[in-house]
Amino acid sequence: MGELIYTLCMLTSLACTWLLFASYRRTRYRLLFWSGLCFAVMTLNNLFLIFDKVVFPNVDFMPLRVVSALAACLLLLYGLIYEKE
């Protein structure tokens, strides 16, 4: 059951990424770009979670998961702080 939930979370992040970038291409609103990048890295984070728990259960992907989560938060924080409009 966990595999299904992890996969659905990754697909949801991927869908959000796609929708945010599609909206950015239409409007050119920069905050959508930074949010899209954030969700792209969150998708990568969810992929690392699937690798960690399902595909390679004996390999520890925790450092990659923590670094990717931090990168996603920093991208969104940068977009929120430095993109004024």
N, C-alpha and C. Protein backbone atom coordinates (compact mmCIF):
# COMPACT_ATOMS: atom_id res chain seq x y z
N MET A 1 0.82 -1.20 0.00
CA MET A 1 0.00 0.00 0.00
C MET A 1 0.86 1.26 0.00
N GLY A 2 2.00 1.19 0.68
CA GLY A 2 2.90 2.34 0.73
C GLY A 2 3.43 2.73 -0.64
N GLU A 3 3.70 1.71 -1.48
CA GLU A 3 4.22 1.99 -2.82
C GLU A 3 3.23 2.82 -3.63
N LEU A 4 1.96 2.50 -3.49
CA LEU A 4 0.92 3.25 -4.20
C LEU A 4 0.86 4.70 -3.74
N ILE A 5 0.93 4.90 -2.44
CA ILE A 5 0.87 6.26 -1.89
C ILE A 5 2.09 7.07 -2.32
N TYR A 6 3.29 6.46 -2.26
CA TYR A 6 4.50 7.16 -2.68
C TYR A 6 4.42 7.54 -4.16
N THR A 7 3.92 6.63 -4.97
CA THR A 7 3.80 6.89 -6.40
C THR A 7 2.78 7.99 -6.67
N LEU A 8 1.65 7.95 -5.98
CA LEU A 8 0.65 9.00 -6.16
C LEU A 8 1.17 10.36 -5.74
N CYS A 9 1.95 10.40 -4.67
CA CYS A 9 2.55 11.68 -4.24
C CYS A 9 3.50 12.21 -5.30
N MET A 10 4.30 11.32 -5.88
CA MET A 10 5.23 11.77 -6.92
C MET A 10 4.47 12.25 -8.15
N LEU A 11 3.43 11.54 -8.54
CA LEU A 11 2.65 11.96 -9.70
C LEU A 11 1.91 13.27 -9.46
N THR A 12 1.47 13.49 -8.23
CA THR A 12 0.83 14.75 -7.89
C THR A 12 1.82 15.91 -7.98
N SER A 13 3.02 15.71 -7.48
CA SER A 13 4.06 16.74 -7.58
C SER A 13 4.41 17.01 -9.04
N LEU A 14 4.47 15.95 -9.83
CA LEU A 14 4.77 16.12 -11.25
C LEU A 14 3.65 16.89 -11.96
N ALA A 15 2.41 16.60 -11.61
CA ALA A 15 1.28 17.32 -12.21
C ALA A 15 1.32 18.80 -11.81
N CYS A 16 1.63 19.08 -10.56
CA CYS A 16 1.74 20.48 -10.12
C CYS A 16 2.87 21.19 -10.86
N THR A 17 3.98 20.50 -11.05
CA THR A 17 5.10 21.07 -11.80
C THR A 17 4.67 21.44 -13.21
N TRP A 18 4.01 20.50 -13.87
CA TRP A 18 3.57 20.72 -15.24
C TRP A 18 2.58 21.89 -15.33
N LEU A 19 1.63 21.93 -14.41
CA LEU A 19 0.63 23.00 -14.42
C LEU A 19 1.25 24.37 -14.14
N LEU A 20 2.19 24.42 -13.20
CA LEU A 20 2.84 25.69 -12.87
C LEU A 20 3.68 26.20 -14.04
N PHE A 21 4.44 25.32 -14.68
CA PHE A 21 5.24 25.76 -15.82
C PHE A 21 4.36 26.13 -17.01
N ALA A 22 3.26 25.43 -17.21
CA ALA A 22 2.34 25.79 -18.30
C ALA A 22 1.74 27.16 -18.05
N SER A 23 1.39 27.44 -16.81
CA SER A 23 0.84 28.75 -16.48
C SER A 23 1.91 29.84 -16.61
N TYR A 24 3.15 29.50 -16.25
CA TYR A 24 4.24 30.46 -16.40
C TYR A 24 4.46 30.81 -17.87
N ARG A 25 4.42 29.80 -18.74
CA ARG A 25 4.60 30.06 -20.18
C ARG A 25 3.52 30.98 -20.73
N ARG A 26 2.32 30.88 -20.18
CA ARG A 26 1.21 31.72 -20.63
C ARG A 26 1.31 33.15 -20.09
N THR A 27 1.64 33.30 -18.81
CA THR A 27 1.55 34.60 -18.17
C THR A 27 2.89 35.30 -17.96
N ARG A 28 3.99 34.53 -17.95
CA ARG A 28 5.33 35.05 -17.65
C ARG A 28 5.42 35.68 -16.26
N TYR A 29 4.61 35.21 -15.35
CA TYR A 29 4.68 35.66 -13.96
C TYR A 29 5.76 34.85 -13.25
N ARG A 30 6.81 35.53 -12.80
CA ARG A 30 8.04 34.86 -12.33
C ARG A 30 7.82 33.99 -11.10
N LEU A 31 6.88 34.32 -10.26
CA LEU A 31 6.65 33.49 -9.08
C LEU A 31 6.16 32.09 -9.47
N LEU A 32 5.45 31.99 -10.58
CA LEU A 32 5.04 30.68 -11.08
C LEU A 32 6.25 29.86 -11.51
N PHE A 33 7.25 30.52 -12.06
CA PHE A 33 8.49 29.83 -12.44
C PHE A 33 9.18 29.24 -11.22
N TRP A 34 9.33 30.04 -10.17
CA TRP A 34 10.01 29.56 -8.96
C TRP A 34 9.19 28.48 -8.27
N SER A 35 7.88 28.60 -8.28
CA SER A 35 7.04 27.56 -7.71
C SER A 35 7.14 26.27 -8.52
N GLY A 36 7.23 26.40 -9.84
CA GLY A 36 7.41 25.23 -10.68
C GLY A 36 8.72 24.52 -10.42
N LEU A 37 9.78 25.32 -10.25
CA LEU A 37 11.08 24.72 -9.91
C LEU A 37 11.02 24.01 -8.56
N CYS A 38 10.35 24.62 -7.61
CA CYS A 38 10.19 24.01 -6.29
C CYS A 38 9.49 22.65 -6.40
N PHE A 39 8.41 22.61 -7.15
CA PHE A 39 7.68 21.35 -7.29
C PHE A 39 8.46 20.33 -8.12
N ALA A 40 9.29 20.79 -9.06
CA ALA A 40 10.13 19.86 -9.81
C ALA A 40 11.12 19.17 -8.88
N VAL A 41 11.70 19.92 -7.96
CA VAL A 41 12.62 19.32 -7.00
C VAL A 41 11.86 18.46 -5.99
N MET A 42 10.63 18.83 -5.65
CA MET A 42 9.82 17.97 -4.79
C MET A 42 9.49 16.65 -5.47
N THR A 43 9.29 16.69 -6.80
CA THR A 43 9.08 15.46 -7.55
C THR A 43 10.32 14.57 -7.45
N LEU A 44 11.49 15.18 -7.58
CA LEU A 44 12.73 14.44 -7.41
C LEU A 44 12.84 13.87 -6.00
N ASN A 45 12.43 14.66 -5.02
CA ASN A 45 12.44 14.20 -3.63
C ASN A 45 11.53 12.98 -3.47
N ASN A 46 10.36 13.01 -4.07
CA ASN A 46 9.46 11.86 -4.00
C ASN A 46 10.03 10.65 -4.74
N LEU A 47 10.76 10.89 -5.81
CA LEU A 47 11.41 9.79 -6.51
C LEU A 47 12.47 9.15 -5.62
N PHE A 48 13.24 9.96 -4.90
CA PHE A 48 14.21 9.42 -3.95
C PHE A 48 13.51 8.63 -2.85
N LEU A 49 12.34 9.07 -2.42
CA LEU A 49 11.57 8.33 -1.42
C LEU A 49 11.17 6.95 -1.95
N ILE A 50 10.73 6.90 -3.20
CA ILE A 50 10.38 5.60 -3.79
C ILE A 50 11.60 4.71 -3.90
N PHE A 51 12.73 5.29 -4.30
CA PHE A 51 13.96 4.50 -4.36
C PHE A 51 14.34 3.99 -2.97
N ASP A 52 14.19 4.86 -1.97
CA ASP A 52 14.59 4.53 -0.61
C ASP A 52 13.72 3.42 -0.01
N LYS A 53 12.42 3.52 -0.17
CA LYS A 53 11.51 2.61 0.51
C LYS A 53 11.11 1.38 -0.31
N VAL A 54 11.11 1.51 -1.65
CA VAL A 54 10.56 0.43 -2.47
C VAL A 54 11.63 -0.26 -3.31
N VAL A 55 12.36 0.50 -4.11
CA VAL A 55 13.26 -0.09 -5.09
C VAL A 55 14.53 -0.63 -4.44
N PHE A 56 15.19 0.19 -3.64
CA PHE A 56 16.44 -0.20 -2.97
C PHE A 56 16.28 -0.06 -1.46
N PRO A 57 15.59 -0.97 -0.80
CA PRO A 57 15.35 -0.79 0.64
C PRO A 57 16.61 -0.89 1.50
N ASN A 58 17.68 -1.47 0.97
CA ASN A 58 18.92 -1.61 1.74
C ASN A 58 19.85 -0.41 1.59
N VAL A 59 19.53 0.50 0.69
CA VAL A 59 20.36 1.68 0.46
C VAL A 59 19.68 2.87 1.12
N ASP A 60 20.48 3.69 1.81
CA ASP A 60 19.93 4.85 2.51
C ASP A 60 19.98 6.09 1.61
N PHE A 61 18.82 6.55 1.20
CA PHE A 61 18.71 7.75 0.37
C PHE A 61 18.33 8.98 1.20
N MET A 62 18.38 8.87 2.52
CA MET A 62 17.97 9.97 3.38
C MET A 62 18.76 11.26 3.11
N PRO A 63 20.10 11.21 2.95
CA PRO A 63 20.81 12.47 2.67
C PRO A 63 20.33 13.15 1.38
N LEU A 64 20.08 12.38 0.33
CA LEU A 64 19.59 12.96 -0.92
C LEU A 64 18.19 13.53 -0.73
N ARG A 65 17.37 12.85 0.05
CA ARG A 65 16.01 13.34 0.29
C ARG A 65 16.03 14.64 1.08
N VAL A 66 16.89 14.73 2.06
CA VAL A 66 16.97 15.95 2.87
C VAL A 66 17.51 17.11 2.05
N VAL A 67 18.53 16.86 1.26
CA VAL A 67 19.13 17.92 0.43
C VAL A 67 18.12 18.40 -0.62
N SER A 68 17.39 17.47 -1.23
CA SER A 68 16.42 17.89 -2.25
C SER A 68 15.25 18.64 -1.62
N ALA A 69 14.82 18.25 -0.43
CA ALA A 69 13.75 18.99 0.25
C ALA A 69 14.21 20.40 0.62
N LEU A 70 15.45 20.51 1.08
CA LEU A 70 16.00 21.82 1.40
C LEU A 70 16.12 22.68 0.15
N ALA A 71 16.57 22.09 -0.95
CA ALA A 71 16.69 22.84 -2.20
C ALA A 71 15.33 23.33 -2.68
N ALA A 72 14.31 22.50 -2.56
CA ALA A 72 12.96 22.90 -2.98
C ALA A 72 12.47 24.08 -2.15
N CYS A 73 12.67 24.01 -0.85
CA CYS A 73 12.24 25.11 0.03
C CYS A 73 13.02 26.39 -0.27
N LEU A 74 14.32 26.26 -0.52
CA LEU A 74 15.13 27.45 -0.80
C LEU A 74 14.75 28.09 -2.13
N LEU A 75 14.42 27.28 -3.13
CA LEU A 75 13.98 27.84 -4.41
C LEU A 75 12.69 28.65 -4.24
N LEU A 76 11.74 28.09 -3.51
CA LEU A 76 10.49 28.81 -3.30
C LEU A 76 10.72 30.05 -2.44
N LEU A 77 11.57 29.95 -1.43
CA LEU A 77 11.87 31.10 -0.59
C LEU A 77 12.54 32.21 -1.39
N TYR A 78 13.47 31.84 -2.26
CA TYR A 78 14.12 32.83 -3.12
C TYR A 78 13.09 33.53 -4.00
N GLY A 79 12.21 32.75 -4.59
CA GLY A 79 11.18 33.33 -5.45
C GLY A 79 10.25 34.25 -4.69
N LEU A 80 9.91 33.89 -3.48
CA LEU A 80 9.02 34.73 -2.68
C LEU A 80 9.68 36.04 -2.24
N ILE A 81 10.96 35.97 -1.95
CA ILE A 81 11.67 37.16 -1.42
C ILE A 81 12.10 38.10 -2.54
N TYR A 82 12.69 37.57 -3.61
CA TYR A 82 13.36 38.42 -4.58
C TYR A 82 12.53 38.75 -5.81
N GLU A 83 11.41 38.12 -5.99
CA GLU A 83 10.56 38.45 -7.14
C GLU A 83 9.46 39.39 -6.69
N LYS A 84 9.63 40.66 -6.98
CA LYS A 84 8.64 41.66 -6.60
C LYS A 84 7.79 42.01 -7.82
N GLU A 85 6.52 42.18 -7.56
CA GLU A 85 5.66 42.61 -8.66
C GLU A 85 4.37 43.18 -8.12
